[in-house]
Amino acid sequence: MVKSRIFRFSTIACFLSLLLIPFISCNKNNRLNLPEDFSSYSDSAKVDWLLNNHKPAMVAEVLCEEGAGMDSSLNFKDFRATVNVIYNLYDETQKKEFGTSMNDYAASLPNKEKMRLYVAGSGFNGYNLGYAYGVDFLNQADESNIGEIQEDYEALKEIYPDNSQLTNNFIKGLNAALAKQGKSWQPNK
């Protein structure tokens, strides 16, 4: 199940043209040794500082926690764009380390945090998120875990209870992908 979640996240991240990222809560500022005035930096200056002071695995962890809502010490204005910029600034070896670290961390997150991270990575576009999720689901060798869709959908609804457009578009995007193999999915009521 963990392997399928890692694969699912990899596919979603690639499909949405981004790679997301991770980190564990316990005074991140000390772990990162952020400068006192870090919060006043522009997003590009924050990216430069992270790239010059930390390995790709650490950057991935920090970004995952930011996207999952577990840490806001970085406070990027545009999470999705920041992740894309960082990924594209790395060489091939660093991209691999960054992506693997992100996938491993994302797979370890509880459903709510994982779905927050996916939503942040999708730019709050429920249709794209659902479509990528569905494509990934179809690419899995073992489709017996259809219950995971319900679990992830319930987490999405719980996180964003007042955003029916996001959750409805997630279902539409998911079903658009599933329809390619003659399948569909509807949430349990």
C-alpha atoms as a PDB file:
ATOM      1  CA  MET A   1       0.000   0.000   0.000  1.00  0.00           C
ATOM      2  CA  VAL A   2       2.860   2.398   0.803  1.00  0.00           C
ATOM      3  CA  LYS A   3       4.470   1.533  -2.540  1.00  0.00           C
ATOM      4  CA  SER A   4       1.243   2.328  -4.393  1.00  0.00           C
ATOM      5  CA  ARG A   5       0.978   5.665  -2.555  1.00  0.00           C
ATOM      6  CA  ILE A   6       4.544   6.556  -3.530  1.00  0.00           C
ATOM      7  CA  PHE A   7       3.805   5.679  -7.156  1.00  0.00           C
ATOM      8  CA  ARG A   8       0.499   7.556  -7.016  1.00  0.00           C
ATOM      9  CA  PHE A   9       2.188  10.691  -5.761  1.00  0.00           C
ATOM     10  CA  SER A  10       4.984  10.445  -8.341  1.00  0.00           C
ATOM     11  CA  THR A  11       2.508  10.286 -11.173  1.00  0.00           C
ATOM     12  CA  ILE A  12       0.351  13.102  -9.820  1.00  0.00           C
ATOM     13  CA  ALA A  13       3.354  15.320  -9.271  1.00  0.00           C
ATOM     14  CA  CYS A  14       4.704  14.750 -12.772  1.00  0.00           C
ATOM     15  CA  PHE A  15       1.303  15.138 -14.365  1.00  0.00           C
ATOM     16  CA  LEU A  16       0.757  18.467 -12.660  1.00  0.00           C
ATOM     17  CA  SER A  17       4.226  19.595 -13.812  1.00  0.00           C
ATOM     18  CA  LEU A  18       5.604  19.907 -10.349  1.00  0.00           C
ATOM     19  CA  LEU A  19       7.319  18.072  -7.624  1.00  0.00           C
ATOM     20  CA  LEU A  20       6.303  18.732  -4.108  1.00  0.00           C
ATOM     21  CA  ILE A  21       8.262  18.297  -0.902  1.00  0.00           C
ATOM     22  CA  PRO A  22       8.695  17.368   2.995  1.00  0.00           C
ATOM     23  CA  PHE A  23       9.906  17.973   6.680  1.00  0.00           C
ATOM     24  CA  ILE A  24       9.117  17.047  10.360  1.00  0.00           C
ATOM     25  CA  SER A  25       7.735  19.516  12.875  1.00  0.00           C
ATOM     26  CA  CYS A  26      10.135  20.379  15.670  1.00  0.00           C
ATOM     27  CA  ASN A  27      11.335  23.930  15.457  1.00  0.00           C
ATOM     28  CA  LYS A  28      12.163  24.115  11.785  1.00  0.00           C
ATOM     29  CA  ASN A  29      13.845  27.479  12.128  1.00  0.00           C
ATOM     30  CA  ASN A  30      16.595  25.909  14.245  1.00  0.00           C
ATOM     31  CA  ARG A  31      16.905  22.901  11.933  1.00  0.00           C
ATOM     32  CA  LEU A  32      17.224  25.122   8.882  1.00  0.00           C
ATOM     33  CA  ASN A  33      19.196  27.871  10.610  1.00  0.00           C
ATOM     34  CA  LEU A  34      17.042  30.444   8.876  1.00  0.00           C
ATOM     35  CA  PRO A  35      18.307  34.015   9.080  1.00  0.00           C
ATOM     36  CA  GLU A  36      16.282  36.192  11.446  1.00  0.00           C
ATOM     37  CA  ASP A  37      14.997  38.316   8.588  1.00  0.00           C
ATOM     38  CA  PHE A  38      14.145  35.335   6.337  1.00  0.00           C
ATOM     39  CA  SER A  39      10.429  36.142   6.359  1.00  0.00           C
ATOM     40  CA  SER A  40      11.182  39.492   4.725  1.00  0.00           C
ATOM     41  CA  TYR A  41      13.014  37.858   1.792  1.00  0.00           C
ATOM     42  CA  SER A  42      11.349  37.692  -1.608  1.00  0.00           C
ATOM     43  CA  ASP A  43      10.404  34.218  -2.819  1.00  0.00           C
ATOM     44  CA  SER A  44      13.383  34.174  -5.198  1.00  0.00           C
ATOM     45  CA  ALA A  45      15.771  35.169  -2.387  1.00  0.00           C
ATOM     46  CA  LYS A  46      14.288  32.422  -0.179  1.00  0.00           C
ATOM     47  CA  VAL A  47      14.843  29.892  -2.977  1.00  0.00           C
ATOM     48  CA  ASP A  48      18.441  31.049  -3.449  1.00  0.00           C
ATOM     49  CA  TRP A  49      19.084  30.769   0.280  1.00  0.00           C
ATOM     50  CA  LEU A  50      17.608  27.254   0.487  1.00  0.00           C
ATOM     51  CA  LEU A  51      19.535  26.008  -2.543  1.00  0.00           C
ATOM     52  CA  ASN A  52      22.811  27.441  -1.250  1.00  0.00           C
ATOM     53  CA  ASN A  53      22.407  26.141   2.308  1.00  0.00           C
ATOM     54  CA  HIS A  54      20.649  22.764   2.105  1.00  0.00           C
ATOM     55  CA  LYS A  55      20.726  19.532   0.160  1.00  0.00           C
ATOM     56  CA  PRO A  56      17.825  18.652  -2.150  1.00  0.00           C
ATOM     57  CA  ALA A  57      16.406  16.126   0.344  1.00  0.00           C
ATOM     58  CA  MET A  58      16.094  18.765   3.057  1.00  0.00           C
ATOM     59  CA  VAL A  59      14.601  21.281   0.641  1.00  0.00           C
ATOM     60  CA  ALA A  60      12.069  18.642  -0.412  1.00  0.00           C
ATOM     61  CA  GLU A  61      11.073  17.935   3.183  1.00  0.00           C
ATOM     62  CA  VAL A  62      10.668  21.606   4.002  1.00  0.00           C
ATOM     63  CA  LEU A  63       8.509  22.240   0.950  1.00  0.00           C
ATOM     64  CA  CYS A  64       6.297  19.208   1.637  1.00  0.00           C
ATOM     65  CA  GLU A  65       5.594  20.434   5.118  1.00  0.00           C
ATOM     66  CA  GLU A  66       4.848  23.904   3.816  1.00  0.00           C
ATOM     67  CA  GLY A  67       2.436  22.506   1.209  1.00  0.00           C
ATOM     68  CA  ALA A  68       0.815  20.172   3.718  1.00  0.00           C
ATOM     69  CA  GLY A  69       0.184  23.060   6.106  1.00  0.00           C
ATOM     70  CA  MET A  70       2.456  21.614   8.781  1.00  0.00           C
ATOM     71  CA  ASP A  71       4.961  24.471   8.776  1.00  0.00           C
ATOM     72  CA  SER A  72       4.754  28.017   7.541  1.00  0.00           C
ATOM     73  CA  SER A  73       8.241  29.285   8.357  1.00  0.00           C
ATOM     74  CA  LEU A  74       9.067  29.621   4.648  1.00  0.00           C
ATOM     75  CA  ASN A  75       5.783  31.316   3.739  1.00  0.00           C
ATOM     76  CA  PHE A  76       6.116  31.256  -0.050  1.00  0.00           C
ATOM     77  CA  LYS A  77       3.541  33.364  -1.872  1.00  0.00           C
ATOM     78  CA  ASP A  78       3.076  30.808  -4.688  1.00  0.00           C
ATOM     79  CA  PHE A  79       3.842  27.272  -3.543  1.00  0.00           C
ATOM     80  CA  ARG A  80       3.351  25.587  -6.911  1.00  0.00           C
ATOM     81  CA  ALA A  81       5.567  28.059  -8.775  1.00  0.00           C
ATOM     82  CA  THR A  82       8.249  27.827  -6.087  1.00  0.00           C
ATOM     83  CA  VAL A  83       8.397  24.050  -6.349  1.00  0.00           C
ATOM     84  CA  ASN A  84       8.665  24.239 -10.144  1.00  0.00           C
ATOM     85  CA  VAL A  85      11.449  26.824  -9.975  1.00  0.00           C
ATOM     86  CA  ILE A  86      13.441  24.826  -7.446  1.00  0.00           C
ATOM     87  CA  TYR A  87      13.042  21.587  -9.406  1.00  0.00           C
ATOM     88  CA  ASN A  88      14.188  23.258 -12.631  1.00  0.00           C
ATOM     89  CA  LEU A  89      17.247  24.802 -10.982  1.00  0.00           C
ATOM     90  CA  TYR A  90      18.599  21.385  -9.967  1.00  0.00           C
ATOM     91  CA  ASP A  91      20.822  19.218 -12.142  1.00  0.00           C
ATOM     92  CA  GLU A  92      19.649  15.676 -12.977  1.00  0.00           C
ATOM     93  CA  THR A  93      21.218  14.060  -9.889  1.00  0.00           C
ATOM     94  CA  GLN A  94      19.739  16.685  -7.589  1.00  0.00           C
ATOM     95  CA  LYS A  95      16.328  16.369  -9.272  1.00  0.00           C
ATOM     96  CA  LYS A  96      16.358  12.642  -8.553  1.00  0.00           C
ATOM     97  CA  GLU A  97      17.272  13.176  -4.880  1.00  0.00           C
ATOM     98  CA  PHE A  98      14.681  15.929  -4.559  1.00  0.00           C
ATOM     99  CA  GLY A  99      11.912  13.852  -6.194  1.00  0.00           C
ATOM    100  CA  THR A 100      12.669  10.688  -4.248  1.00  0.00           C
ATOM    101  CA  SER A 101      12.749  12.574  -0.947  1.00  0.00           C
ATOM    102  CA  MET A 102       9.510  14.327  -1.778  1.00  0.00           C
ATOM    103  CA  ASN A 103       7.771  11.087  -2.747  1.00  0.00           C
ATOM    104  CA  ASP A 104       8.949   9.237   0.349  1.00  0.00           C
ATOM    105  CA  TYR A 105       7.868  12.022   2.653  1.00  0.00           C
ATOM    106  CA  ALA A 106       4.515  12.584   0.958  1.00  0.00           C
ATOM    107  CA  ALA A 107       3.760   8.855   1.150  1.00  0.00           C
ATOM    108  CA  SER A 108       4.318   8.931   4.906  1.00  0.00           C
ATOM    109  CA  LEU A 109       1.828  11.744   5.535  1.00  0.00           C
ATOM    110  CA  PRO A 110      -1.617  11.138   7.023  1.00  0.00           C
ATOM    111  CA  ASN A 111      -4.435  11.539   4.476  1.00  0.00           C
ATOM    112  CA  LYS A 112      -5.362  15.102   5.463  1.00  0.00           C
ATOM    113  CA  GLU A 113      -1.842  16.463   5.168  1.00  0.00           C
ATOM    114  CA  LYS A 114      -1.224  14.474   1.988  1.00  0.00           C
ATOM    115  CA  MET A 115      -4.341  15.904   0.349  1.00  0.00           C
ATOM    116  CA  ARG A 116      -3.419  19.452   1.471  1.00  0.00           C
ATOM    117  CA  LEU A 117      -0.064  18.934  -0.212  1.00  0.00           C
ATOM    118  CA  TYR A 118      -1.683  17.626  -3.412  1.00  0.00           C
ATOM    119  CA  VAL A 119      -4.112  20.542  -3.496  1.00  0.00           C
ATOM    120  CA  ALA A 120      -1.321  23.075  -2.958  1.00  0.00           C
ATOM    121  CA  GLY A 121       0.646  21.403  -5.738  1.00  0.00           C
ATOM    122  CA  SER A 122      -2.306  21.536  -8.103  1.00  0.00           C
ATOM    123  CA  GLY A 123      -2.775  25.261  -7.551  1.00  0.00           C
ATOM    124  CA  PHE A 124      -6.204  24.505  -6.027  1.00  0.00           C
ATOM    125  CA  ASN A 125      -7.422  23.155  -9.368  1.00  0.00           C
ATOM    126  CA  GLY A 126      -9.709  20.282  -8.371  1.00  0.00           C
ATOM    127  CA  TYR A 127     -10.219  19.043 -11.931  1.00  0.00           C
ATOM    128  CA  ASN A 128      -6.497  18.717 -12.652  1.00  0.00           C
ATOM    129  CA  LEU A 129      -5.922  17.142  -9.260  1.00  0.00           C
ATOM    130  CA  GLY A 130      -8.702  14.598  -9.830  1.00  0.00           C
ATOM    131  CA  TYR A 131      -7.581  13.841 -13.376  1.00  0.00           C
ATOM    132  CA  ALA A 132      -3.963  13.265 -12.336  1.00  0.00           C
ATOM    133  CA  TYR A 133      -5.138  11.152  -9.405  1.00  0.00           C
ATOM    134  CA  GLY A 134      -7.280   9.058 -11.781  1.00  0.00           C
ATOM    135  CA  VAL A 135      -4.505   8.602 -14.339  1.00  0.00           C
ATOM    136  CA  ASP A 136      -2.217   7.467 -11.573  1.00  0.00           C
ATOM    137  CA  PHE A 137      -4.842   5.088 -10.217  1.00  0.00           C
ATOM    138  CA  LEU A 138      -5.231   3.488 -13.664  1.00  0.00           C
ATOM    139  CA  ASN A 139      -1.460   3.094 -13.991  1.00  0.00           C
ATOM    140  CA  GLN A 140      -1.287   0.993 -10.845  1.00  0.00           C
ATOM    141  CA  ALA A 141      -1.013  -2.730 -11.350  1.00  0.00           C
ATOM    142  CA  ASP A 142      -3.303  -3.392  -8.373  1.00  0.00           C
ATOM    143  CA  GLU A 143      -6.651  -1.621  -8.645  1.00  0.00           C
ATOM    144  CA  SER A 144      -8.056  -3.494  -5.647  1.00  0.00           C
ATOM    145  CA  ASN A 145      -7.349  -0.465  -3.468  1.00  0.00           C
ATOM    146  CA  ILE A 146     -10.320   1.520  -4.759  1.00  0.00           C
ATOM    147  CA  GLY A 147     -11.174   2.248  -1.113  1.00  0.00           C
ATOM    148  CA  GLU A 148      -8.159   4.573  -1.061  1.00  0.00           C
ATOM    149  CA  ILE A 149     -10.027   6.919  -3.382  1.00  0.00           C
ATOM    150  CA  GLN A 150     -12.861   7.223  -0.873  1.00  0.00           C
ATOM    151  CA  GLU A 151     -10.419   7.772   1.996  1.00  0.00           C
ATOM    152  CA  ASP A 152      -8.560  10.493   0.113  1.00  0.00           C
ATOM    153  CA  TYR A 153     -11.811  12.097  -1.048  1.00  0.00           C
ATOM    154  CA  GLU A 154     -13.131  12.159   2.545  1.00  0.00           C
ATOM    155  CA  ALA A 155      -9.904  13.807   3.685  1.00  0.00           C
ATOM    156  CA  LEU A 156     -10.261  16.392   0.908  1.00  0.00           C
ATOM    157  CA  LYS A 157     -13.847  17.159   1.956  1.00  0.00           C
ATOM    158  CA  GLU A 158     -12.855  17.456   5.600  1.00  0.00           C
ATOM    159  CA  ILE A 159     -10.016  19.857   4.859  1.00  0.00           C
ATOM    160  CA  TYR A 160     -12.093  22.038   2.532  1.00  0.00           C
ATOM    161  CA  PRO A 161     -15.684  21.619   3.779  1.00  0.00           C
ATOM    162  CA  ASP A 162     -16.874  24.886   2.236  1.00  0.00           C
ATOM    163  CA  ASN A 163     -15.290  24.341  -1.172  1.00  0.00           C
ATOM    164  CA  SER A 164     -17.723  22.120  -3.032  1.00  0.00           C
ATOM    165  CA  GLN A 165     -16.325  23.386  -6.339  1.00  0.00           C
ATOM    166  CA  LEU A 166     -12.922  21.880  -5.492  1.00  0.00           C
ATOM    167  CA  THR A 167     -14.357  18.517  -4.437  1.00  0.00           C
ATOM    168  CA  ASN A 168     -16.876  18.366  -7.321  1.00  0.00           C
ATOM    169  CA  ASN A 169     -14.152  19.167  -9.839  1.00  0.00           C
ATOM    170  CA  PHE A 170     -11.951  16.514  -8.247  1.00  0.00           C
ATOM    171  CA  ILE A 171     -14.672  13.929  -8.973  1.00  0.00           C
ATOM    172  CA  LYS A 172     -15.112  15.220 -12.546  1.00  0.00           C
ATOM    173  CA  GLY A 173     -11.372  15.085 -13.227  1.00  0.00           C
ATOM    174  CA  LEU A 174     -11.064  11.652 -11.647  1.00  0.00           C
ATOM    175  CA  ASN A 175     -13.926  10.277 -13.738  1.00  0.00           C
ATOM    176  CA  ALA A 176     -12.546  11.828 -16.931  1.00  0.00           C
ATOM    177  CA  ALA A 177      -9.376   9.821 -16.383  1.00  0.00           C
ATOM    178  CA  LEU A 178     -11.176   6.634 -15.327  1.00  0.00           C
ATOM    179  CA  ALA A 179     -13.480   6.851 -18.379  1.00  0.00           C
ATOM    180  CA  LYS A 180     -10.486   6.093 -20.600  1.00  0.00           C
ATOM    181  CA  GLN A 181     -10.782   2.494 -19.396  1.00  0.00           C
ATOM    182  CA  GLY A 182     -14.553   2.455 -19.116  1.00  0.00           C
ATOM    183  CA  LYS A 183     -14.577   3.012 -15.364  1.00  0.00           C
ATOM    184  CA  SER A 184     -16.117   5.574 -13.091  1.00  0.00           C
ATOM    185  CA  TRP A 185     -16.262   6.381  -9.395  1.00  0.00           C
ATOM    186  CA  GLN A 186     -18.800   8.097  -7.182  1.00  0.00           C
ATOM    187  CA  PRO A 187     -18.295   8.911  -3.517  1.00  0.00           C
ATOM    188  CA  ASN A 188     -20.194   6.991  -0.865  1.00  0.00           C
ATOM    189  CA  LYS A 189     -22.910   9.180   0.587  1.00  0.00           C
END
